[in-house]
Amino acid sequence: MSTTVNVRYMVNDVEEALTWYTKHLGFTQLSNQAPAFADVSRGALRLLLSGPTSSAGRPMPDGERPGPGGWNR
């Protein structure tokens, strides 16, 4: 049985991140709704690349906005 692991990454530029993961790291593009979202996979790993305009970019209850470098919702 194979289990897919989904990891959400907040990125500043979905298109740039999509190109990086597919061109340099061998991921396969699953979808592209840039500038908000794209997802890629490689083996059992699926990365959800969420830009500032995605639903994951909405402010937290305290008003702080999620961003790259430490946010995972």
Foldseek 3Di string as FASTA:
>chain_A
DAAADEWEFEAAAAVVVVCCCCVPVPWAWDDDPPPAWTWTDDGRYIYIYGYCPYPQQDADPVRHGDHGDDDTD
